[in-house]
Amino acid sequence: MTANEHCGRTKRTPCDTAAGAQVVEHVRREIEARRLGPGDRLPSERELALKMGVSRPSLRSGLRTLQAMGIITSRRGAGTFIVEGPPQLGKAPLEFLAALHGFTLDQMYEARRMLEVGAAGLAAERATGEHTAGMADELTGMFATLDDPKAFLRHDLGFHRAVAAGSENPIVAAIIGTLTEIIWETGRISMSGFSLRESAETHRRIYEAIRSRHPDRARREMTDHLEHARWEQVEKETGAEVQPSSDRRRARQGIARAEGEIS
């Protein structure tokens, strides 16, 4: 008798929910025991349902939850697989929080500074040739789309994800990846009306600091870039000119000192 049959027909929805949670827990245990890993194919629905003693609808409910969590992906005609590559977090909870509480630009950029400045420093220490090649590809894409703000933003956010991956910290990479995806999908940030060439140049300086293995300089360049981007967005939304903060002045002074030391 399956879990759903035990619950009875009149309680089908609650039982489907409970059995779906059972599916999620089963896959988690399989991953923890190293019986499933990145890129592995899950057994067929029929095999899984029989093994776990749940109905096919309940199994599909659990699989949908795992897909929303970014744990599995379905490939048409091939089956269901554990995701490969850098870990990703489901963006739905953050999207709901943004809708409920109305994240401001300042809050968004504050979060980005807390995460991405440190990530840039780690990338300067740890990034492999593959990581820097990914950054270079996105940088090239930015310079190639100076006349297309939307395409430029896609490469801009891709560059930040590449830097996060270069930190070699999968938690940081997952959080930054989720945040940049939300920025892209919500359209909260727009590059229209900005100096895209200037923005591309700031990304080039970040890339050069990382490639040349200068963690402090990479952190300063990322700080300056995010502060400048924040002010441009605020000015665009409010129409008011924003004066540089002491943080940005210190960042610029630090960059000038670093460039003087390098030259």
C-alpha atoms as a PDB file:
ATOM      1  CA  MET A   1       0.000   0.000   0.000  1.00  0.00           C
ATOM      2  CA  THR A   2       1.386   3.415  -0.955  1.00  0.00           C
ATOM      3  CA  ALA A   3       1.502   6.376   1.412  1.00  0.00           C
ATOM      4  CA  ASN A   4      -1.322   7.974  -0.542  1.00  0.00           C
ATOM      5  CA  GLU A   5      -3.540   4.894  -0.362  1.00  0.00           C
ATOM      6  CA  HIS A   6      -3.000   4.777   3.381  1.00  0.00           C
ATOM      7  CA  CYS A   7      -4.124   8.397   3.720  1.00  0.00           C
ATOM      8  CA  GLY A   8      -7.321   7.767   1.777  1.00  0.00           C
ATOM      9  CA  ARG A   9      -8.994   9.504  -1.107  1.00  0.00           C
ATOM     10  CA  THR A  10     -10.629  12.246   0.945  1.00  0.00           C
ATOM     11  CA  LYS A  11      -7.277  13.564   2.098  1.00  0.00           C
ATOM     12  CA  ARG A  12      -5.489  13.389  -1.216  1.00  0.00           C
ATOM     13  CA  THR A  13      -4.060  16.920  -1.269  1.00  0.00           C
ATOM     14  CA  PRO A  14      -2.491  16.863   2.231  1.00  0.00           C
ATOM     15  CA  CYS A  15      -1.129  13.393   1.551  1.00  0.00           C
ATOM     16  CA  ASP A  16       0.324  14.432  -1.780  1.00  0.00           C
ATOM     17  CA  THR A  17       2.070  17.271   0.028  1.00  0.00           C
ATOM     18  CA  ALA A  18       3.474  14.956   2.701  1.00  0.00           C
ATOM     19  CA  ALA A  19       4.566  12.376   0.142  1.00  0.00           C
ATOM     20  CA  GLY A  20       6.144  15.122  -1.959  1.00  0.00           C
ATOM     21  CA  ALA A  21       8.201  16.142   1.073  1.00  0.00           C
ATOM     22  CA  GLN A  22       9.189  12.495   1.427  1.00  0.00           C
ATOM     23  CA  VAL A  23      10.546  12.576  -2.136  1.00  0.00           C
ATOM     24  CA  VAL A  24      12.613  15.684  -1.376  1.00  0.00           C
ATOM     25  CA  GLU A  25      14.004  14.077   1.771  1.00  0.00           C
ATOM     26  CA  HIS A  26      14.848  10.864  -0.096  1.00  0.00           C
ATOM     27  CA  VAL A  27      16.849  12.696  -2.760  1.00  0.00           C
ATOM     28  CA  ARG A  28      18.643  14.732  -0.092  1.00  0.00           C
ATOM     29  CA  ARG A  29      19.710  11.555   1.704  1.00  0.00           C
ATOM     30  CA  GLU A  30      20.885  10.008  -1.550  1.00  0.00           C
ATOM     31  CA  ILE A  31      23.052  13.065  -2.248  1.00  0.00           C
ATOM     32  CA  GLU A  32      24.449  13.138   1.297  1.00  0.00           C
ATOM     33  CA  ALA A  33      25.355   9.449   1.003  1.00  0.00           C
ATOM     34  CA  ARG A  34      27.110  10.204  -2.303  1.00  0.00           C
ATOM     35  CA  ARG A  35      24.819   7.807  -4.146  1.00  0.00           C
ATOM     36  CA  LEU A  36      23.727  10.764  -6.283  1.00  0.00           C
ATOM     37  CA  GLY A  37      25.944  13.606  -7.448  1.00  0.00           C
ATOM     38  CA  PRO A  38      26.145  16.417 -10.008  1.00  0.00           C
ATOM     39  CA  GLY A  39      25.117  15.214 -13.452  1.00  0.00           C
ATOM     40  CA  ASP A  40      23.666  11.894 -12.271  1.00  0.00           C
ATOM     41  CA  ARG A  41      20.402  10.721 -13.799  1.00  0.00           C
ATOM     42  CA  LEU A  42      17.544   9.868 -11.464  1.00  0.00           C
ATOM     43  CA  PRO A  43      15.730   6.541 -11.893  1.00  0.00           C
ATOM     44  CA  SER A  44      12.509   6.603 -13.908  1.00  0.00           C
ATOM     45  CA  GLU A  45       9.335   7.887 -12.248  1.00  0.00           C
ATOM     46  CA  ARG A  46       7.984   4.360 -12.072  1.00  0.00           C
ATOM     47  CA  GLU A  47      11.116   3.051 -10.326  1.00  0.00           C
ATOM     48  CA  LEU A  48      11.225   5.931  -7.856  1.00  0.00           C
ATOM     49  CA  ALA A  49       7.522   5.699  -7.027  1.00  0.00           C
ATOM     50  CA  LEU A  50       7.779   1.959  -6.363  1.00  0.00           C
ATOM     51  CA  LYS A  51      10.955   2.316  -4.317  1.00  0.00           C
ATOM     52  CA  MET A  52       9.509   5.056  -2.119  1.00  0.00           C
ATOM     53  CA  GLY A  53       5.946   3.754  -1.901  1.00  0.00           C
ATOM     54  CA  VAL A  54       4.332   6.957  -3.185  1.00  0.00           C
ATOM     55  CA  SER A  55       1.931   7.648  -6.036  1.00  0.00           C
ATOM     56  CA  ARG A  56       3.159   9.075  -9.331  1.00  0.00           C
ATOM     57  CA  PRO A  57       1.340  12.424  -8.721  1.00  0.00           C
ATOM     58  CA  SER A  58       3.024  12.723  -5.311  1.00  0.00           C
ATOM     59  CA  LEU A  59       6.377  11.872  -6.841  1.00  0.00           C
ATOM     60  CA  ARG A  60       5.932  14.566  -9.468  1.00  0.00           C
ATOM     61  CA  SER A  61       5.007  17.060  -6.753  1.00  0.00           C
ATOM     62  CA  GLY A  62       8.282  16.317  -4.966  1.00  0.00           C
ATOM     63  CA  LEU A  63      10.259  16.525  -8.209  1.00  0.00           C
ATOM     64  CA  ARG A  64       8.707  19.913  -8.991  1.00  0.00           C
ATOM     65  CA  THR A  65       9.823  21.120  -5.559  1.00  0.00           C
ATOM     66  CA  LEU A  66      13.367  19.886  -6.187  1.00  0.00           C
ATOM     67  CA  GLN A  67      13.399  21.604  -9.564  1.00  0.00           C
ATOM     68  CA  ALA A  68      12.237  24.886  -8.009  1.00  0.00           C
ATOM     69  CA  MET A  69      15.054  24.521  -5.461  1.00  0.00           C
ATOM     70  CA  GLY A  70      17.574  24.206  -8.281  1.00  0.00           C
ATOM     71  CA  ILE A  71      18.549  20.641  -7.326  1.00  0.00           C
ATOM     72  CA  ILE A  72      17.349  18.797 -10.430  1.00  0.00           C
ATOM     73  CA  THR A  73      16.716  19.613 -14.065  1.00  0.00           C
ATOM     74  CA  SER A  74      14.638  17.836 -16.687  1.00  0.00           C
ATOM     75  CA  ARG A  75      15.941  17.181 -20.189  1.00  0.00           C
ATOM     76  CA  ARG A  76      13.354  16.354 -22.796  1.00  0.00           C
ATOM     77  CA  GLY A  77      13.712  12.787 -23.952  1.00  0.00           C
ATOM     78  CA  ALA A  78      16.628  12.110 -21.594  1.00  0.00           C
ATOM     79  CA  GLY A  79      15.210  12.150 -18.090  1.00  0.00           C
ATOM     80  CA  THR A  80      15.756  14.015 -14.827  1.00  0.00           C
ATOM     81  CA  PHE A  81      19.258  14.839 -13.596  1.00  0.00           C
ATOM     82  CA  ILE A  82      20.999  16.332 -10.576  1.00  0.00           C
ATOM     83  CA  VAL A  83      22.213  19.764 -11.696  1.00  0.00           C
ATOM     84  CA  GLU A  84      25.839  20.263 -12.695  1.00  0.00           C
ATOM     85  CA  GLY A  85      28.052  23.326 -12.463  1.00  0.00           C
ATOM     86  CA  PRO A  86      28.026  26.029  -9.775  1.00  0.00           C
ATOM     87  CA  PRO A  87      25.244  25.623  -7.203  1.00  0.00           C
ATOM     88  CA  GLN A  88      22.157  27.777  -7.611  1.00  0.00           C
ATOM     89  CA  LEU A  89      19.604  28.832  -5.047  1.00  0.00           C
ATOM     90  CA  GLY A  90      15.915  29.042  -5.838  1.00  0.00           C
ATOM     91  CA  LYS A  91      15.117  32.696  -6.448  1.00  0.00           C
ATOM     92  CA  ALA A  92      11.406  32.458  -5.595  1.00  0.00           C
ATOM     93  CA  PRO A  93      11.807  33.184  -1.827  1.00  0.00           C
ATOM     94  CA  LEU A  94      13.817  36.350  -2.506  1.00  0.00           C
ATOM     95  CA  GLU A  95      11.337  37.453  -5.160  1.00  0.00           C
ATOM     96  CA  PHE A  96       8.508  37.085  -2.643  1.00  0.00           C
ATOM     97  CA  LEU A  97      10.474  39.026  -0.037  1.00  0.00           C
ATOM     98  CA  ALA A  98      11.106  41.796  -2.560  1.00  0.00           C
ATOM     99  CA  ALA A  99       7.403  41.904  -3.436  1.00  0.00           C
ATOM    100  CA  LEU A 100       6.328  41.927   0.211  1.00  0.00           C
ATOM    101  CA  HIS A 101       8.840  44.392   1.597  1.00  0.00           C
ATOM    102  CA  GLY A 102       9.867  46.418  -1.445  1.00  0.00           C
ATOM    103  CA  PHE A 103      13.638  46.170  -1.532  1.00  0.00           C
ATOM    104  CA  THR A 104      15.169  49.575  -2.213  1.00  0.00           C
ATOM    105  CA  LEU A 105      18.090  50.250  -4.526  1.00  0.00           C
ATOM    106  CA  ASP A 106      20.244  51.131  -1.535  1.00  0.00           C
ATOM    107  CA  GLN A 107      19.455  47.790   0.103  1.00  0.00           C
ATOM    108  CA  MET A 108      20.183  45.927  -3.110  1.00  0.00           C
ATOM    109  CA  TYR A 109      23.532  47.612  -3.618  1.00  0.00           C
ATOM    110  CA  GLU A 110      24.411  47.286   0.059  1.00  0.00           C
ATOM    111  CA  ALA A 111      23.888  43.531  -0.228  1.00  0.00           C
ATOM    112  CA  ARG A 112      25.945  43.423  -3.394  1.00  0.00           C
ATOM    113  CA  ARG A 113      28.803  45.322  -1.767  1.00  0.00           C
ATOM    114  CA  MET A 114      28.839  42.997   1.234  1.00  0.00           C
ATOM    115  CA  LEU A 115      29.101  39.969  -1.044  1.00  0.00           C
ATOM    116  CA  GLU A 116      30.873  41.049  -4.204  1.00  0.00           C
ATOM    117  CA  VAL A 117      33.723  43.109  -2.778  1.00  0.00           C
ATOM    118  CA  GLY A 118      34.926  40.107  -0.793  1.00  0.00           C
ATOM    119  CA  ALA A 119      34.317  37.815  -3.754  1.00  0.00           C
ATOM    120  CA  ALA A 120      36.535  39.976  -5.958  1.00  0.00           C
ATOM    121  CA  GLY A 121      39.383  39.735  -3.446  1.00  0.00           C
ATOM    122  CA  LEU A 122      39.024  35.956  -3.224  1.00  0.00           C
ATOM    123  CA  ALA A 123      38.905  35.686  -7.024  1.00  0.00           C
ATOM    124  CA  ALA A 124      42.217  37.542  -7.241  1.00  0.00           C
ATOM    125  CA  GLU A 125      43.695  34.885  -4.975  1.00  0.00           C
ATOM    126  CA  ARG A 126      41.960  31.760  -6.270  1.00  0.00           C
ATOM    127  CA  ALA A 127      40.593  32.192  -9.799  1.00  0.00           C
ATOM    128  CA  THR A 128      41.784  29.635 -12.335  1.00  0.00           C
ATOM    129  CA  GLY A 129      42.483  30.250 -15.990  1.00  0.00           C
ATOM    130  CA  GLU A 130      38.997  28.985 -16.777  1.00  0.00           C
ATOM    131  CA  HIS A 131      37.482  31.517 -14.396  1.00  0.00           C
ATOM    132  CA  THR A 132      39.404  34.461 -15.832  1.00  0.00           C
ATOM    133  CA  ALA A 133      38.542  33.294 -19.349  1.00  0.00           C
ATOM    134  CA  GLY A 134      34.863  33.454 -18.383  1.00  0.00           C
ATOM    135  CA  MET A 135      35.334  37.001 -17.081  1.00  0.00           C
ATOM    136  CA  ALA A 136      37.156  37.977 -20.281  1.00  0.00           C
ATOM    137  CA  ASP A 137      34.305  36.590 -22.401  1.00  0.00           C
ATOM    138  CA  GLU A 138      31.723  38.670 -20.552  1.00  0.00           C
ATOM    139  CA  LEU A 139      33.971  41.741 -20.695  1.00  0.00           C
ATOM    140  CA  THR A 140      34.314  41.315 -24.459  1.00  0.00           C
ATOM    141  CA  GLY A 141      30.540  41.024 -24.650  1.00  0.00           C
ATOM    142  CA  MET A 142      30.142  44.326 -22.795  1.00  0.00           C
ATOM    143  CA  PHE A 143      32.401  46.209 -25.197  1.00  0.00           C
ATOM    144  CA  ALA A 144      30.570  44.578 -28.127  1.00  0.00           C
ATOM    145  CA  THR A 145      27.137  45.767 -26.910  1.00  0.00           C
ATOM    146  CA  LEU A 146      27.806  49.406 -26.049  1.00  0.00           C
ATOM    147  CA  ASP A 147      24.833  50.363 -28.250  1.00  0.00           C
ATOM    148  CA  ASP A 148      22.444  47.829 -26.678  1.00  0.00           C
ATOM    149  CA  PRO A 149      21.777  48.516 -22.949  1.00  0.00           C
ATOM    150  CA  LYS A 150      19.762  45.342 -22.371  1.00  0.00           C
ATOM    151  CA  ALA A 151      22.370  43.040 -23.926  1.00  0.00           C
ATOM    152  CA  PHE A 152      25.073  44.996 -22.092  1.00  0.00           C
ATOM    153  CA  LEU A 153      23.358  44.353 -18.746  1.00  0.00           C
ATOM    154  CA  ARG A 154      23.217  40.624 -19.476  1.00  0.00           C
ATOM    155  CA  HIS A 155      27.014  40.561 -19.954  1.00  0.00           C
ATOM    156  CA  ASP A 156      27.480  42.904 -16.971  1.00  0.00           C
ATOM    157  CA  LEU A 157      25.664  40.505 -14.644  1.00  0.00           C
ATOM    158  CA  GLY A 158      27.419  37.559 -16.284  1.00  0.00           C
ATOM    159  CA  PHE A 159      30.744  39.170 -15.420  1.00  0.00           C
ATOM    160  CA  HIS A 160      29.741  39.456 -11.770  1.00  0.00           C
ATOM    161  CA  ARG A 161      28.701  35.800 -11.727  1.00  0.00           C
ATOM    162  CA  ALA A 162      32.061  34.866 -13.250  1.00  0.00           C
ATOM    163  CA  VAL A 163      33.892  36.822 -10.538  1.00  0.00           C
ATOM    164  CA  ALA A 164      31.790  35.071  -7.889  1.00  0.00           C
ATOM    165  CA  ALA A 165      32.653  31.680  -9.402  1.00  0.00           C
ATOM    166  CA  GLY A 166      36.316  32.691  -9.303  1.00  0.00           C
ATOM    167  CA  SER A 167      36.078  33.102  -5.525  1.00  0.00           C
ATOM    168  CA  GLU A 168      35.945  29.282  -5.395  1.00  0.00           C
ATOM    169  CA  ASN A 169      33.353  29.596  -2.629  1.00  0.00           C
ATOM    170  CA  PRO A 170      30.192  27.844  -3.810  1.00  0.00           C
ATOM    171  CA  ILE A 171      28.010  29.518  -1.170  1.00  0.00           C
ATOM    172  CA  VAL A 172      29.062  33.005  -2.242  1.00  0.00           C
ATOM    173  CA  ALA A 173      28.723  32.069  -5.914  1.00  0.00           C
ATOM    174  CA  ALA A 174      25.207  30.693  -5.364  1.00  0.00           C
ATOM    175  CA  ILE A 175      23.975  33.775  -3.494  1.00  0.00           C
ATOM    176  CA  ILE A 176      25.451  36.232  -5.992  1.00  0.00           C
ATOM    177  CA  GLY A 177      24.136  34.162  -8.884  1.00  0.00           C
ATOM    178  CA  THR A 178      20.633  34.226  -7.419  1.00  0.00           C
ATOM    179  CA  LEU A 179      20.786  37.968  -6.766  1.00  0.00           C
ATOM    180  CA  THR A 180      21.958  38.800 -10.293  1.00  0.00           C
ATOM    181  CA  GLU A 181      19.226  36.604 -11.768  1.00  0.00           C
ATOM    182  CA  ILE A 182      16.592  38.490  -9.782  1.00  0.00           C
ATOM    183  CA  ILE A 183      18.052  41.814 -10.936  1.00  0.00           C
ATOM    184  CA  TRP A 184      17.808  40.650 -14.551  1.00  0.00           C
ATOM    185  CA  GLU A 185      14.306  39.184 -14.357  1.00  0.00           C
ATOM    186  CA  THR A 186      12.713  42.011 -12.374  1.00  0.00           C
ATOM    187  CA  GLY A 187      14.257  44.757 -14.513  1.00  0.00           C
ATOM    188  CA  ARG A 188      14.987  46.654 -11.287  1.00  0.00           C
ATOM    189  CA  ILE A 189      18.234  47.926 -12.782  1.00  0.00           C
ATOM    190  CA  SER A 190      18.431  49.416 -16.255  1.00  0.00           C
ATOM    191  CA  MET A 191      21.496  50.563 -18.189  1.00  0.00           C
ATOM    192  CA  SER A 192      19.524  52.898 -20.480  1.00  0.00           C
ATOM    193  CA  GLY A 193      20.897  56.426 -20.392  1.00  0.00           C
ATOM    194  CA  PHE A 194      24.181  55.434 -18.739  1.00  0.00           C
ATOM    195  CA  SER A 195      27.702  55.687 -20.080  1.00  0.00           C
ATOM    196  CA  LEU A 196      28.144  52.059 -21.028  1.00  0.00           C
ATOM    197  CA  ARG A 197      31.738  52.590 -22.108  1.00  0.00           C
ATOM    198  CA  GLU A 198      32.624  53.981 -18.687  1.00  0.00           C
ATOM    199  CA  SER A 199      30.903  51.017 -17.046  1.00  0.00           C
ATOM    200  CA  ALA A 200      32.774  48.586 -19.287  1.00  0.00           C
ATOM    201  CA  GLU A 201      36.043  50.260 -18.338  1.00  0.00           C
ATOM    202  CA  THR A 202      35.325  49.835 -14.621  1.00  0.00           C
ATOM    203  CA  HIS A 203      34.736  46.136 -15.217  1.00  0.00           C
ATOM    204  CA  ARG A 204      37.980  45.954 -17.177  1.00  0.00           C
ATOM    205  CA  ARG A 205      39.854  47.362 -14.166  1.00  0.00           C
ATOM    206  CA  ILE A 206      38.277  44.751 -11.894  1.00  0.00           C
ATOM    207  CA  TYR A 207      39.268  42.033 -14.350  1.00  0.00           C
ATOM    208  CA  GLU A 208      42.852  43.275 -14.608  1.00  0.00           C
ATOM    209  CA  ALA A 209      43.211  43.399 -10.816  1.00  0.00           C
ATOM    210  CA  ILE A 210      41.964  39.810 -10.534  1.00  0.00           C
ATOM    211  CA  ARG A 211      44.081  38.543 -13.424  1.00  0.00           C
ATOM    212  CA  SER A 212      47.203  40.196 -12.002  1.00  0.00           C
ATOM    213  CA  ARG A 213      46.554  38.678  -8.535  1.00  0.00           C
ATOM    214  CA  HIS A 214      46.049  41.915  -6.558  1.00  0.00           C
ATOM    215  CA  PRO A 215      43.293  41.153  -3.987  1.00  0.00           C
ATOM    216  CA  ASP A 216      43.281  44.586  -2.319  1.00  0.00           C
ATOM    217  CA  ARG A 217      43.106  46.364  -5.642  1.00  0.00           C
ATOM    218  CA  ALA A 218      40.326  44.023  -6.832  1.00  0.00           C
ATOM    219  CA  ARG A 219      38.288  44.832  -3.723  1.00  0.00           C
ATOM    220  CA  ARG A 220      38.818  48.573  -4.176  1.00  0.00           C
ATOM    221  CA  GLU A 221      37.881  48.449  -7.843  1.00  0.00           C
ATOM    222  CA  MET A 222      34.715  46.481  -7.097  1.00  0.00           C
ATOM    223  CA  THR A 223      33.780  48.909  -4.314  1.00  0.00           C
ATOM    224  CA  ASP A 224      34.210  51.895  -6.594  1.00  0.00           C
ATOM    225  CA  HIS A 225      32.253  50.231  -9.395  1.00  0.00           C
ATOM    226  CA  LEU A 226      29.264  49.318  -7.222  1.00  0.00           C
ATOM    227  CA  GLU A 227      29.158  52.741  -5.572  1.00  0.00           C
ATOM    228  CA  HIS A 228      29.264  54.482  -8.942  1.00  0.00           C
ATOM    229  CA  ALA A 229      26.538  52.207 -10.317  1.00  0.00           C
ATOM    230  CA  ARG A 230      24.357  52.851  -7.277  1.00  0.00           C
ATOM    231  CA  TRP A 231      24.617  56.633  -7.624  1.00  0.00           C
ATOM    232  CA  GLU A 232      23.812  56.497 -11.310  1.00  0.00           C
ATOM    233  CA  GLN A 233      20.675  54.450 -10.614  1.00  0.00           C
ATOM    234  CA  VAL A 234      19.555  56.799  -7.815  1.00  0.00           C
ATOM    235  CA  GLU A 235      20.126  59.862  -9.978  1.00  0.00           C
ATOM    236  CA  LYS A 236      18.170  58.271 -12.801  1.00  0.00           C
ATOM    237  CA  GLU A 237      15.191  57.408 -10.582  1.00  0.00           C
ATOM    238  CA  THR A 238      15.063  60.635  -8.559  1.00  0.00           C
ATOM    239  CA  GLY A 239      16.525  63.163 -10.974  1.00  0.00           C
ATOM    240  CA  ALA A 240      18.673  64.495  -8.127  1.00  0.00           C
ATOM    241  CA  GLU A 241      22.429  64.697  -8.349  1.00  0.00           C
ATOM    242  CA  VAL A 242      24.057  62.502  -5.720  1.00  0.00           C
ATOM    243  CA  GLN A 243      27.319  63.650  -4.211  1.00  0.00           C
ATOM    244  CA  PRO A 244      30.125  61.119  -3.743  1.00  0.00           C
ATOM    245  CA  SER A 245      30.206  59.655  -0.256  1.00  0.00           C
ATOM    246  CA  SER A 246      33.248  59.392   1.970  1.00  0.00           C
ATOM    247  CA  ASP A 247      33.332  55.689   1.147  1.00  0.00           C
ATOM    248  CA  ARG A 248      33.773  56.405  -2.536  1.00  0.00           C
ATOM    249  CA  ARG A 249      36.382  59.095  -1.918  1.00  0.00           C
ATOM    250  CA  ARG A 250      38.365  56.649   0.191  1.00  0.00           C
ATOM    251  CA  ALA A 251      37.994  53.985  -2.484  1.00  0.00           C
ATOM    252  CA  ARG A 252      39.258  56.336  -5.193  1.00  0.00           C
ATOM    253  CA  GLN A 253      42.190  57.403  -3.033  1.00  0.00           C
ATOM    254  CA  GLY A 254      43.026  53.755  -2.422  1.00  0.00           C
ATOM    255  CA  ILE A 255      42.885  52.944  -6.128  1.00  0.00           C
ATOM    256  CA  ALA A 256      45.128  55.892  -6.921  1.00  0.00           C
ATOM    257  CA  ARG A 257      47.648  54.702  -4.322  1.00  0.00           C
ATOM    258  CA  ALA A 258      47.532  51.150  -5.654  1.00  0.00           C
ATOM    259  CA  GLU A 259      48.041  52.288  -9.246  1.00  0.00           C
ATOM    260  CA  GLY A 260      50.938  54.449  -8.120  1.00  0.00           C
ATOM    261  CA  GLU A 261      52.542  51.447  -6.418  1.00  0.00           C
ATOM    262  CA  ILE A 262      52.097  49.266  -9.503  1.00  0.00           C
ATOM    263  CA  SER A 263      53.349  51.823 -12.023  1.00  0.00           C
END
